[in-house]
Amino acid sequence: MSKQEKASSAATPQDLERVREILFGGVIRDHDARFATLQRDLERLQKSLDKTNQELTNRDRAQSQKLEEARQDLQTTAEELRAELRAAADRLSDEKVDREQLGNLFVEIGNQIKGSGALGSVLEGLLQAAE
């Protein structure tokens, strides 16, 4: 057997692993350390993203609730204003002079002016009738 054959048959897998470790060990350890660092950073970022996502969901829920409360307040206020407007319109209807009453009053004024011819007595009669 030649020296090469003896050397190649004598090389065991453990020997090859040692040679590989000598040649590439530092680079592999460096890559493993970088990979572990990147993995930790990625996990930290994922946790941060999940936390931010949860906060945004909570804020969205709170804003939706506030918006719904504002809508209900607005609706309640609008209903109250409508009720006040109806009440004011009803009061005005009650307080205004009825057309029939106004017509009768003008007829009476006309009759008194026609009969007596004195405007002063008509006005006195109106004032007494109003009281």
Protein backbone atom coordinates (compact mmCIF):
# COMPACT_ATOMS: atom_id res chain seq x y z
CA MET A 1 0.00 0.00 0.00
CA SER A 2 1.10 3.43 -0.75
CA LYS A 3 1.28 6.25 1.71
CA GLN A 4 -1.76 7.93 0.22
CA GLU A 5 -3.88 4.84 0.56
CA LYS A 6 -2.77 4.43 4.14
CA ALA A 7 -3.53 8.08 4.89
CA SER A 8 -6.96 7.96 3.27
CA SER A 9 -7.92 4.74 4.99
CA ALA A 10 -6.65 6.05 8.30
CA ALA A 11 -8.80 9.20 8.08
CA THR A 12 -11.90 8.54 10.13
CA PRO A 13 -15.07 10.63 10.25
CA GLN A 14 -13.88 12.09 13.54
CA ASP A 15 -10.69 13.23 11.90
CA LEU A 16 -12.59 14.84 9.08
CA GLU A 17 -14.80 16.62 11.61
CA ARG A 18 -11.72 17.96 13.39
CA VAL A 19 -10.28 19.22 10.13
CA ARG A 20 -13.61 20.86 9.29
CA GLU A 21 -13.70 22.43 12.76
CA ILE A 22 -10.19 23.76 12.29
CA LEU A 23 -10.94 25.21 8.86
CA PHE A 24 -14.52 26.44 9.26
CA GLY A 25 -15.22 26.33 13.00
CA GLY A 26 -14.77 30.04 13.67
CA VAL A 27 -16.95 31.05 10.75
CA ILE A 28 -19.71 28.59 11.71
CA ARG A 29 -19.66 29.75 15.34
CA ASP A 30 -19.81 33.37 14.16
CA HIS A 31 -22.78 32.58 11.88
CA ASP A 32 -24.51 30.66 14.68
CA ALA A 33 -24.04 33.60 17.05
CA ARG A 34 -25.37 36.03 14.46
CA PHE A 35 -28.31 33.75 13.71
CA ALA A 36 -29.12 33.45 17.42
CA THR A 37 -28.94 37.25 17.79
CA LEU A 38 -31.19 37.77 14.79
CA GLN A 39 -33.62 35.20 16.10
CA ARG A 40 -33.78 36.96 19.50
CA ASP A 41 -34.26 40.32 17.77
CA LEU A 42 -37.00 38.87 15.59
CA GLU A 43 -38.80 37.40 18.61
CA ARG A 44 -38.49 40.72 20.47
CA LEU A 45 -39.87 42.60 17.44
CA GLN A 46 -42.71 40.10 17.10
CA LYS A 47 -43.65 40.60 20.76
CA SER A 48 -43.51 44.36 20.28
CA LEU A 49 -45.67 44.10 17.17
CA ASP A 50 -48.20 41.92 18.99
CA LYS A 51 -48.32 44.40 21.88
CA THR A 52 -48.79 47.35 19.52
CA ASN A 53 -51.47 45.44 17.63
CA GLN A 54 -53.33 44.76 20.88
CA GLU A 55 -53.07 48.41 21.93
CA LEU A 56 -54.46 49.52 18.58
CA THR A 57 -57.32 47.06 18.87
CA ASN A 58 -58.12 48.36 22.36
CA ARG A 59 -57.97 51.98 21.18
CA ASP A 60 -60.19 51.18 18.22
CA ARG A 61 -62.70 49.52 20.52
CA ALA A 62 -62.62 52.52 22.90
CA GLN A 63 -63.03 55.00 20.03
CA SER A 64 -65.95 53.01 18.63
CA GLN A 65 -67.60 53.06 22.04
CA LYS A 66 -67.06 56.82 22.40
CA LEU A 67 -68.45 57.38 18.91
CA GLU A 68 -71.55 55.35 19.73
CA GLU A 69 -72.04 57.31 22.96
CA ALA A 70 -71.68 60.58 21.04
CA ARG A 71 -74.27 59.38 18.50
CA GLN A 72 -76.69 58.50 21.28
CA ASP A 73 -76.11 61.87 22.97
CA LEU A 74 -76.68 63.65 19.68
CA GLN A 75 -79.87 61.69 19.05
CA THR A 76 -81.14 62.43 22.57
CA THR A 77 -80.33 66.12 22.18
CA ALA A 78 -82.06 66.24 18.80
CA GLU A 79 -85.17 64.59 20.26
CA GLU A 80 -85.18 67.07 23.16
CA LEU A 81 -84.85 70.00 20.76
CA ARG A 82 -87.71 68.68 18.64
CA ALA A 83 -89.88 68.36 21.75
CA GLU A 84 -89.02 71.92 22.80
CA LEU A 85 -89.81 73.17 19.29
CA ARG A 86 -93.18 71.39 19.31
CA ALA A 87 -93.97 72.86 22.75
CA ALA A 88 -93.04 76.35 21.57
CA ALA A 89 -95.18 75.94 18.45
CA ASP A 90 -98.09 74.73 20.57
CA ARG A 91 -97.69 77.73 22.90
CA LEU A 92 -97.66 80.10 19.96
CA SER A 93 -100.79 78.45 18.55
CA ASP A 94 -102.55 78.87 21.88
CA GLU A 95 -101.44 82.49 22.33
CA LYS A 96 -102.21 83.81 18.87
CA VAL A 97 -105.58 85.36 18.09
CA ASP A 98 -108.00 83.10 16.30
CA ARG A 99 -109.01 84.40 12.83
CA GLU A 100 -112.70 84.06 13.66
CA GLN A 101 -112.30 86.09 16.84
CA LEU A 102 -110.31 88.73 14.99
CA GLY A 103 -112.98 88.92 12.28
CA ASN A 104 -115.74 89.33 14.88
CA LEU A 105 -113.72 92.06 16.57
CA PHE A 106 -113.38 93.98 13.31
CA VAL A 107 -117.09 93.59 12.62
CA GLU A 108 -117.88 94.95 16.09
CA ILE A 109 -115.47 97.88 15.59
CA GLY A 110 -117.10 98.58 12.26
CA ASN A 111 -120.60 98.47 13.75
CA GLN A 112 -119.64 100.76 16.61
CA ILE A 113 -117.98 103.25 14.26
CA LYS A 114 -120.97 103.09 11.95
CA GLY A 115 -123.48 103.52 14.76
CA SER A 116 -121.83 106.15 16.91
CA GLY A 117 -119.37 107.67 14.54
CA ALA A 118 -116.96 108.36 17.38
CA LEU A 119 -113.70 106.51 17.33
CA GLY A 120 -112.96 107.30 20.98
CA SER A 121 -115.99 105.41 22.26
CA VAL A 122 -115.08 102.44 20.04
CA LEU A 123 -111.61 102.31 21.53
CA GLU A 124 -112.99 102.55 25.07
CA GLY A 125 -115.39 99.71 24.32
CA LEU A 126 -112.54 97.60 22.98
CA LEU A 127 -110.43 98.27 26.02
CA GLN A 128 -113.29 97.28 28.33
CA ALA A 129 -113.99 94.15 26.29
CA ALA A 130 -110.32 93.20 26.40
CA GLU A 131 -110.18 93.46 30.17
